[in-house]
Amino acid sequence: MAYIDSFVAAVPTANKQAYLAHATLSAQLFKEQGALNVIEAWGDDVPAGEVTSFPMAVKCTADETVVFSTVIWPSKAIRDAGWQAIMADERMDPAVNPMPFDGKRLIYGGFDILLNE
């Protein structure tokens, strides 16, 4: 069964093009390792909450935009092997492909799919 990784980050709005370049290279690496699809979504209607919200979760500031990303894998086994290869790939070295956002505020996780209609 398919498996997904999802990410939420606060990206400086001025870094939108740099983020797109970073995401494009990262997507290429994910697909080389077996990912079926990579989705990068730039926040458009992401309200701040009173108790919880995407902006609060990543400590988004007024000059940042929330980004939501998903990588779809054919299985958890392919994802696990893919991540090992991706992290060892020199193209993921921060000197080659720097993150144009504060990685300490990145939220990520892997998820089993319960429903896909």
N, C-alpha and C. Protein backbone atom coordinates (compact mmCIF):
# COMPACT_ATOMS: atom_id res chain seq x y z
N MET A 1 0.84 -1.18 0.00
CA MET A 1 0.00 0.00 0.00
C MET A 1 0.89 1.25 0.00
N ALA A 2 0.41 2.29 -0.64
CA ALA A 2 1.16 3.54 -0.73
C ALA A 2 1.43 4.13 0.65
N TYR A 3 2.43 4.95 0.70
CA TYR A 3 2.88 5.60 1.94
C TYR A 3 3.19 7.05 1.61
N ILE A 4 2.96 7.97 2.54
CA ILE A 4 3.26 9.37 2.26
C ILE A 4 4.12 9.99 3.34
N ASP A 5 4.93 10.94 2.91
CA ASP A 5 5.65 11.83 3.81
C ASP A 5 5.04 13.21 3.60
N SER A 6 4.82 13.93 4.68
CA SER A 6 4.30 15.29 4.57
C SER A 6 5.16 16.23 5.40
N PHE A 7 5.23 17.47 4.94
CA PHE A 7 6.08 18.49 5.54
C PHE A 7 5.32 19.81 5.60
N VAL A 8 5.53 20.55 6.67
CA VAL A 8 5.01 21.91 6.80
C VAL A 8 6.18 22.78 7.23
N ALA A 9 6.34 23.93 6.57
CA ALA A 9 7.45 24.83 6.89
C ALA A 9 7.00 26.28 6.72
N ALA A 10 7.71 27.17 7.37
CA ALA A 10 7.54 28.62 7.17
C ALA A 10 8.70 29.07 6.30
N VAL A 11 8.40 29.59 5.13
CA VAL A 11 9.43 30.01 4.19
C VAL A 11 9.36 31.53 4.03
N PRO A 12 10.49 32.22 4.15
CA PRO A 12 10.45 33.66 3.88
C PRO A 12 9.81 33.91 2.51
N THR A 13 8.80 34.75 2.49
CA THR A 13 8.07 35.01 1.25
C THR A 13 9.01 35.48 0.14
N ALA A 14 10.02 36.23 0.49
CA ALA A 14 10.99 36.71 -0.50
C ALA A 14 11.81 35.56 -1.10
N ASN A 15 11.80 34.40 -0.47
CA ASN A 15 12.57 33.25 -0.94
C ASN A 15 11.74 32.28 -1.78
N LYS A 16 10.60 32.71 -2.27
CA LYS A 16 9.71 31.79 -3.00
C LYS A 16 10.43 31.12 -4.17
N GLN A 17 11.15 31.87 -4.98
CA GLN A 17 11.84 31.27 -6.13
C GLN A 17 12.98 30.36 -5.69
N ALA A 18 13.70 30.75 -4.65
CA ALA A 18 14.77 29.90 -4.13
C ALA A 18 14.17 28.60 -3.57
N TYR A 19 13.01 28.71 -2.92
CA TYR A 19 12.35 27.52 -2.40
C TYR A 19 11.93 26.60 -3.56
N LEU A 20 11.38 27.20 -4.61
CA LEU A 20 10.96 26.40 -5.76
C LEU A 20 12.15 25.67 -6.38
N ALA A 21 13.29 26.33 -6.47
CA ALA A 21 14.50 25.67 -7.00
C ALA A 21 14.92 24.52 -6.10
N HIS A 22 14.92 24.75 -4.79
CA HIS A 22 15.26 23.72 -3.81
C HIS A 22 14.29 22.54 -3.93
N ALA A 23 13.00 22.85 -4.01
CA ALA A 23 11.97 21.81 -4.07
C ALA A 23 12.06 21.03 -5.38
N THR A 24 12.38 21.70 -6.47
CA THR A 24 12.49 21.04 -7.76
C THR A 24 13.62 20.01 -7.75
N LEU A 25 14.77 20.39 -7.21
CA LEU A 25 15.89 19.45 -7.11
C LEU A 25 15.54 18.31 -6.16
N SER A 26 14.93 18.64 -5.04
CA SER A 26 14.55 17.60 -4.08
C SER A 26 13.55 16.62 -4.70
N ALA A 27 12.58 17.14 -5.44
CA ALA A 27 11.58 16.28 -6.09
C ALA A 27 12.25 15.32 -7.06
N GLN A 28 13.24 15.81 -7.80
CA GLN A 28 13.98 14.95 -8.73
C GLN A 28 14.63 13.79 -7.97
N LEU A 29 15.23 14.10 -6.82
CA LEU A 29 15.87 13.06 -6.02
C LEU A 29 14.84 12.06 -5.50
N PHE A 30 13.72 12.55 -4.99
CA PHE A 30 12.67 11.66 -4.50
C PHE A 30 12.21 10.71 -5.61
N LYS A 31 11.98 11.25 -6.79
CA LYS A 31 11.49 10.43 -7.90
C LYS A 31 12.55 9.43 -8.36
N GLU A 32 13.81 9.82 -8.34
CA GLU A 32 14.88 8.89 -8.68
C GLU A 32 14.89 7.69 -7.74
N GLN A 33 14.44 7.91 -6.51
CA GLN A 33 14.45 6.85 -5.50
C GLN A 33 13.10 6.14 -5.38
N GLY A 34 12.18 6.41 -6.31
CA GLY A 34 10.94 5.64 -6.34
C GLY A 34 9.68 6.37 -5.96
N ALA A 35 9.76 7.63 -5.57
CA ALA A 35 8.54 8.36 -5.24
C ALA A 35 7.64 8.44 -6.47
N LEU A 36 6.36 8.32 -6.25
CA LEU A 36 5.39 8.38 -7.35
C LEU A 36 5.02 9.82 -7.70
N ASN A 37 4.97 10.67 -6.69
CA ASN A 37 4.52 12.04 -6.90
C ASN A 37 5.06 12.92 -5.77
N VAL A 38 5.37 14.16 -6.11
CA VAL A 38 5.80 15.15 -5.12
C VAL A 38 4.93 16.39 -5.33
N ILE A 39 4.31 16.84 -4.25
CA ILE A 39 3.44 18.01 -4.31
C ILE A 39 4.02 19.08 -3.40
N GLU A 40 4.19 20.27 -3.94
CA GLU A 40 4.64 21.43 -3.15
C GLU A 40 3.53 22.47 -3.23
N ALA A 41 3.04 22.91 -2.10
CA ALA A 41 1.93 23.87 -2.08
C ALA A 41 2.32 25.11 -1.28
N TRP A 42 2.20 26.27 -1.92
CA TRP A 42 2.53 27.56 -1.33
C TRP A 42 1.26 28.09 -0.68
N GLY A 43 1.32 28.43 0.60
CA GLY A 43 0.14 28.87 1.34
C GLY A 43 -0.57 30.04 0.67
N ASP A 44 -1.89 29.91 0.58
CA ASP A 44 -2.71 30.95 -0.02
C ASP A 44 -3.83 31.38 0.93
N ASP A 45 -4.44 30.43 1.60
CA ASP A 45 -5.54 30.70 2.52
C ASP A 45 -5.28 29.87 3.77
N VAL A 46 -4.31 30.31 4.57
CA VAL A 46 -3.86 29.56 5.74
C VAL A 46 -4.06 30.44 6.97
N PRO A 47 -5.25 30.38 7.57
CA PRO A 47 -5.55 31.29 8.67
C PRO A 47 -4.77 30.97 9.94
N ALA A 48 -4.46 32.02 10.67
CA ALA A 48 -3.85 31.87 12.00
C ALA A 48 -4.95 31.46 12.96
N GLY A 49 -4.66 30.52 13.81
CA GLY A 49 -5.67 30.06 14.76
C GLY A 49 -5.51 30.71 16.12
N GLU A 50 -6.43 30.40 16.99
CA GLU A 50 -6.35 30.89 18.37
C GLU A 50 -5.70 29.86 19.27
N VAL A 51 -5.87 28.58 18.95
CA VAL A 51 -5.29 27.52 19.76
C VAL A 51 -4.23 26.76 18.96
N THR A 52 -4.58 26.36 17.73
CA THR A 52 -3.64 25.67 16.85
C THR A 52 -3.84 26.13 15.41
N SER A 53 -2.82 26.03 14.62
CA SER A 53 -2.91 26.34 13.19
C SER A 53 -1.57 26.00 12.55
N PHE A 54 -1.57 25.95 11.23
CA PHE A 54 -0.30 25.75 10.53
C PHE A 54 0.68 26.88 10.85
N PRO A 55 0.26 28.15 10.76
CA PRO A 55 1.23 29.22 11.07
C PRO A 55 1.79 29.12 12.49
N MET A 56 0.94 28.79 13.45
CA MET A 56 1.42 28.67 14.82
C MET A 56 2.38 27.49 14.96
N ALA A 57 2.08 26.41 14.30
CA ALA A 57 2.91 25.20 14.43
C ALA A 57 4.34 25.43 13.98
N VAL A 58 4.52 26.24 12.92
CA VAL A 58 5.87 26.48 12.40
C VAL A 58 6.40 27.86 12.78
N LYS A 59 5.69 28.53 13.70
CA LYS A 59 6.10 29.85 14.19
C LYS A 59 6.32 30.83 13.03
N CYS A 60 5.33 30.84 12.12
CA CYS A 60 5.39 31.67 10.93
C CYS A 60 5.32 33.16 11.32
N THR A 61 6.21 33.95 10.75
CA THR A 61 6.21 35.39 10.99
C THR A 61 5.51 36.11 9.83
N ALA A 62 5.29 37.39 9.98
CA ALA A 62 4.54 38.18 8.98
C ALA A 62 5.21 38.18 7.61
N ASP A 63 6.51 37.99 7.56
CA ASP A 63 7.23 38.00 6.28
C ASP A 63 7.48 36.59 5.73
N GLU A 64 6.74 35.60 6.25
CA GLU A 64 6.89 34.22 5.81
C GLU A 64 5.56 33.67 5.31
N THR A 65 5.65 32.60 4.53
CA THR A 65 4.48 31.91 4.00
C THR A 65 4.58 30.44 4.41
N VAL A 66 3.44 29.86 4.78
CA VAL A 66 3.42 28.44 5.12
C VAL A 66 3.42 27.62 3.83
N VAL A 67 4.28 26.60 3.81
CA VAL A 67 4.37 25.68 2.68
C VAL A 67 4.00 24.29 3.18
N PHE A 68 3.22 23.58 2.37
CA PHE A 68 2.82 22.21 2.70
C PHE A 68 3.27 21.31 1.56
N SER A 69 3.97 20.25 1.89
CA SER A 69 4.52 19.35 0.88
C SER A 69 4.15 17.91 1.19
N THR A 70 3.97 17.13 0.13
CA THR A 70 3.68 15.71 0.28
C THR A 70 4.45 14.93 -0.77
N VAL A 71 5.04 13.83 -0.33
CA VAL A 71 5.71 12.90 -1.23
C VAL A 71 4.96 11.58 -1.13
N ILE A 72 4.53 11.06 -2.27
CA ILE A 72 3.78 9.80 -2.29
C ILE A 72 4.71 8.69 -2.79
N TRP A 73 4.79 7.65 -1.99
CA TRP A 73 5.65 6.49 -2.27
C TRP A 73 4.77 5.27 -2.53
N PRO A 74 5.27 4.30 -3.30
CA PRO A 74 4.49 3.08 -3.52
C PRO A 74 4.34 2.23 -2.26
N SER A 75 5.32 2.32 -1.34
CA SER A 75 5.27 1.53 -0.11
C SER A 75 6.22 2.15 0.91
N LYS A 76 6.05 1.75 2.17
CA LYS A 76 6.95 2.22 3.21
C LYS A 76 8.37 1.68 2.99
N ALA A 77 8.48 0.45 2.51
CA ALA A 77 9.81 -0.13 2.28
C ALA A 77 10.57 0.67 1.22
N ILE A 78 9.90 1.06 0.15
CA ILE A 78 10.56 1.87 -0.88
C ILE A 78 10.89 3.25 -0.32
N ARG A 79 10.01 3.79 0.49
CA ARG A 79 10.27 5.09 1.12
C ARG A 79 11.49 5.02 2.02
N ASP A 80 11.56 3.99 2.87
CA ASP A 80 12.69 3.87 3.79
C ASP A 80 14.01 3.75 3.04
N ALA A 81 14.04 2.92 2.01
CA ALA A 81 15.26 2.77 1.21
C ALA A 81 15.56 4.07 0.46
N GLY A 82 14.52 4.70 -0.05
CA GLY A 82 14.69 5.96 -0.77
C GLY A 82 15.30 7.05 0.10
N TRP A 83 14.80 7.17 1.32
CA TRP A 83 15.33 8.20 2.22
C TRP A 83 16.81 7.97 2.52
N GLN A 84 17.19 6.72 2.71
CA GLN A 84 18.61 6.43 2.97
C GLN A 84 19.46 6.91 1.80
N ALA A 85 19.02 6.60 0.60
CA ALA A 85 19.78 7.01 -0.59
C ALA A 85 19.77 8.53 -0.77
N ILE A 86 18.64 9.15 -0.51
CA ILE A 86 18.53 10.60 -0.66
C ILE A 86 19.46 11.32 0.31
N MET A 87 19.47 10.88 1.55
CA MET A 87 20.30 11.54 2.55
C MET A 87 21.79 11.34 2.28
N ALA A 88 22.14 10.29 1.56
CA ALA A 88 23.54 10.04 1.21
C ALA A 88 23.94 10.74 -0.09
N ASP A 89 22.97 11.24 -0.82
CA ASP A 89 23.23 11.86 -2.13
C ASP A 89 23.88 13.23 -1.93
N GLU A 90 24.97 13.47 -2.63
CA GLU A 90 25.70 14.74 -2.48
C GLU A 90 24.85 15.94 -2.88
N ARG A 91 23.84 15.74 -3.71
CA ARG A 91 22.97 16.85 -4.11
C ARG A 91 22.10 17.36 -2.96
N MET A 92 22.00 16.59 -1.87
CA MET A 92 21.26 17.04 -0.70
C MET A 92 22.16 17.75 0.31
N ASP A 93 23.43 17.82 0.04
CA ASP A 93 24.37 18.55 0.90
C ASP A 93 23.92 20.01 0.96
N PRO A 94 23.78 20.57 2.16
CA PRO A 94 23.35 21.96 2.27
C PRO A 94 24.22 22.95 1.50
N ALA A 95 25.46 22.61 1.24
CA ALA A 95 26.32 23.49 0.44
C ALA A 95 25.90 23.48 -1.03
N VAL A 96 25.28 22.39 -1.47
CA VAL A 96 24.84 22.25 -2.86
C VAL A 96 23.38 22.67 -3.03
N ASN A 97 22.55 22.28 -2.07
CA ASN A 97 21.10 22.52 -2.14
C ASN A 97 20.64 23.10 -0.80
N PRO A 98 21.00 24.35 -0.51
CA PRO A 98 20.65 24.93 0.80
C PRO A 98 19.15 25.10 0.98
N MET A 99 18.70 24.87 2.20
CA MET A 99 17.29 25.10 2.51
C MET A 99 17.08 26.61 2.63
N PRO A 100 16.17 27.17 1.84
CA PRO A 100 15.93 28.62 1.91
C PRO A 100 14.89 28.98 2.98
N PHE A 101 14.97 28.27 4.10
CA PHE A 101 14.06 28.49 5.23
C PHE A 101 14.71 27.90 6.47
N ASP A 102 14.12 28.17 7.63
CA ASP A 102 14.66 27.68 8.90
C ASP A 102 14.23 26.23 9.10
N GLY A 103 15.13 25.30 8.85
CA GLY A 103 14.83 23.88 8.97
C GLY A 103 14.48 23.44 10.39
N LYS A 104 14.83 24.23 11.39
CA LYS A 104 14.50 23.87 12.77
C LYS A 104 13.00 23.97 13.02
N ARG A 105 12.29 24.73 12.17
CA ARG A 105 10.84 24.87 12.33
C ARG A 105 10.06 24.00 11.36
N LEU A 106 10.74 23.14 10.64
CA LEU A 106 10.11 22.20 9.72
C LEU A 106 9.42 21.09 10.51
N ILE A 107 8.20 20.79 10.16
CA ILE A 107 7.47 19.67 10.76
C ILE A 107 7.31 18.62 9.67
N TYR A 108 7.61 17.38 9.99
CA TYR A 108 7.50 16.34 8.98
C TYR A 108 7.14 15.01 9.63
N GLY A 109 6.66 14.11 8.81
CA GLY A 109 6.35 12.77 9.30
C GLY A 109 5.91 11.87 8.17
N GLY A 110 5.97 10.57 8.42
CA GLY A 110 5.52 9.57 7.47
C GLY A 110 4.18 9.01 7.93
N PHE A 111 3.32 8.70 6.96
CA PHE A 111 1.96 8.32 7.28
C PHE A 111 1.49 7.13 6.43
N ASP A 112 0.84 6.19 7.11
CA ASP A 112 0.12 5.12 6.42
C ASP A 112 -1.19 5.72 5.91
N ILE A 113 -1.58 5.36 4.73
CA ILE A 113 -2.81 5.89 4.16
C ILE A 113 -3.99 5.06 4.67
N LEU A 114 -4.97 5.73 5.27
CA LEU A 114 -6.17 5.07 5.75
C LEU A 114 -7.26 5.02 4.68
N LEU A 115 -7.35 6.09 3.89
CA LEU A 115 -8.39 6.20 2.87
C LEU A 115 -7.84 6.97 1.71
N ASN A 116 -8.10 6.49 0.51
CA ASN A 116 -7.64 7.18 -0.71
C ASN A 116 -8.71 6.94 -1.76
N GLU A 117 -9.62 7.88 -1.90
CA GLU A 117 -10.73 7.73 -2.87
C GLU A 117 -10.65 8.76 -3.94
